[in-house]
Amino acid sequence: MGTNGESKFSFLLIGLGLGAIGGLMAALLARKETRELLRERSRDSLDYLNQQAGKLRESADVIVKKGKELIGPHCDSVKTDTEAQKQAHQEEKREHLGG
């Protein structure tokens, strides 16, 4: 049988061991809760960003529609004018090179 000092030391070691095991268990549980909290916050953030992106798309659509209304139907004629100018320029080049 050990002396009184040896039994106190063994109880101290047992207590430290149990404390370490309890601390590890608590840390693992806290880590799991932290992961769940981070997942939940990231989901909320993604939902918020998706909502903001939707609002941005809607306002961009409105701006594009207003811009098209402002430009009006002559927008297509501008395209055809530039194409005609390109064609005329190419014909001039051909005439100068060939002539």
Protein backbone atom coordinates (compact mmCIF):
# COMPACT_ATOMS: atom_id res chain seq x y z
CA MET A 1 0.00 0.00 0.00
CA GLY A 2 1.29 3.42 -0.96
CA THR A 3 1.80 6.34 1.31
CA ASN A 4 -0.54 9.25 1.63
CA GLY A 5 1.60 11.39 -0.73
CA GLU A 6 1.59 8.72 -3.44
CA SER A 7 -2.20 8.35 -3.34
CA LYS A 8 -2.65 12.12 -3.60
CA PHE A 9 -0.36 12.15 -6.62
CA SER A 10 -2.27 9.32 -8.31
CA PHE A 11 -5.58 11.09 -7.65
CA LEU A 12 -4.05 14.23 -9.16
CA LEU A 13 -3.04 12.32 -12.30
CA ILE A 14 -6.48 10.71 -12.57
CA GLY A 15 -8.13 14.11 -12.17
CA LEU A 16 -5.87 15.66 -14.80
CA GLY A 17 -6.62 12.80 -17.18
CA LEU A 18 -10.37 13.10 -16.67
CA GLY A 19 -10.14 16.87 -17.07
CA ALA A 20 -8.19 16.52 -20.30
CA ILE A 21 -10.71 14.03 -21.69
CA GLY A 22 -13.60 16.29 -20.68
CA GLY A 23 -11.86 19.29 -22.24
CA LEU A 24 -11.33 17.44 -25.50
CA MET A 25 -14.95 16.33 -25.58
CA ALA A 26 -16.13 19.89 -24.95
CA ALA A 27 -13.80 21.21 -27.66
CA LEU A 28 -15.09 18.68 -30.18
CA LEU A 29 -18.69 19.59 -29.42
CA ALA A 30 -17.92 23.29 -29.61
CA ARG A 31 -16.13 22.74 -32.90
CA LYS A 32 -19.18 20.96 -34.31
CA GLU A 33 -21.45 23.78 -33.17
CA THR A 34 -19.05 26.32 -34.67
CA ARG A 35 -19.10 24.52 -38.01
CA GLU A 36 -22.89 24.43 -37.96
CA LEU A 37 -23.01 28.13 -37.09
CA LEU A 38 -20.63 28.96 -39.94
CA ARG A 39 -22.69 26.87 -42.37
CA GLU A 40 -25.87 28.63 -41.33
CA ARG A 41 -24.29 32.06 -41.67
CA SER A 42 -22.85 31.20 -45.07
CA ARG A 43 -26.29 30.02 -46.25
CA ASP A 44 -27.81 33.26 -45.02
CA SER A 45 -25.09 35.25 -46.78
CA LEU A 46 -25.63 33.37 -50.04
CA ASP A 47 -29.37 33.96 -49.83
CA TYR A 48 -28.76 37.67 -49.26
CA LEU A 49 -26.33 37.86 -52.17
CA ASN A 50 -28.78 36.04 -54.46
CA GLN A 51 -31.52 38.49 -53.51
CA GLN A 52 -29.25 41.46 -54.19
CA ALA A 53 -28.18 39.96 -57.52
CA GLY A 54 -31.83 39.53 -58.48
CA LYS A 55 -32.57 43.16 -57.63
CA LEU A 56 -29.53 44.25 -59.62
CA ARG A 57 -30.67 42.21 -62.63
CA GLU A 58 -34.14 43.74 -62.45
CA SER A 59 -32.81 47.29 -62.26
CA ALA A 60 -30.39 46.58 -65.12
CA ASP A 61 -33.28 45.29 -67.23
CA VAL A 62 -35.24 48.47 -66.49
CA ILE A 63 -32.26 50.62 -67.44
CA VAL A 64 -31.74 48.70 -70.69
CA LYS A 65 -35.41 49.03 -71.59
CA LYS A 66 -35.37 52.77 -70.89
CA GLY A 67 -32.21 53.11 -72.95
CA LYS A 68 -33.79 51.29 -75.86
CA GLU A 69 -36.86 53.52 -75.61
CA LEU A 70 -34.62 56.58 -75.57
CA ILE A 71 -32.65 55.47 -78.59
CA GLY A 72 -35.80 54.45 -80.38
CA PRO A 73 -36.31 52.55 -83.61
CA HIS A 74 -33.54 54.40 -85.45
CA CYS A 75 -31.02 52.29 -83.55
CA ASP A 76 -31.16 49.68 -86.30
CA SER A 77 -30.62 52.35 -88.95
CA VAL A 78 -27.40 53.37 -87.20
CA LYS A 79 -26.14 49.81 -87.56
CA THR A 80 -27.04 49.70 -91.24
CA ASP A 81 -25.41 53.12 -91.78
CA THR A 82 -22.13 51.95 -90.30
CA GLU A 83 -22.26 48.75 -92.35
CA ALA A 84 -22.90 50.80 -95.49
CA GLN A 85 -19.96 53.05 -94.63
CA LYS A 86 -17.70 50.03 -94.15
CA GLN A 87 -18.78 48.61 -97.48
CA ALA A 88 -18.23 51.92 -99.25
CA HIS A 89 -14.78 52.23 -97.70
CA GLN A 90 -13.85 48.72 -98.85
CA GLU A 91 -15.04 49.51 -102.38
CA GLU A 92 -12.92 52.68 -102.42
CA LYS A 93 -9.89 50.66 -101.36
CA ARG A 94 -10.48 48.17 -104.16
CA GLU A 95 -10.82 50.97 -106.73
CA HIS A 96 -7.60 52.66 -105.58
CA LEU A 97 -5.64 49.44 -105.51
CA GLY A 98 -6.91 48.21 -108.84
CA GLY A 99 -6.82 51.51 -110.68
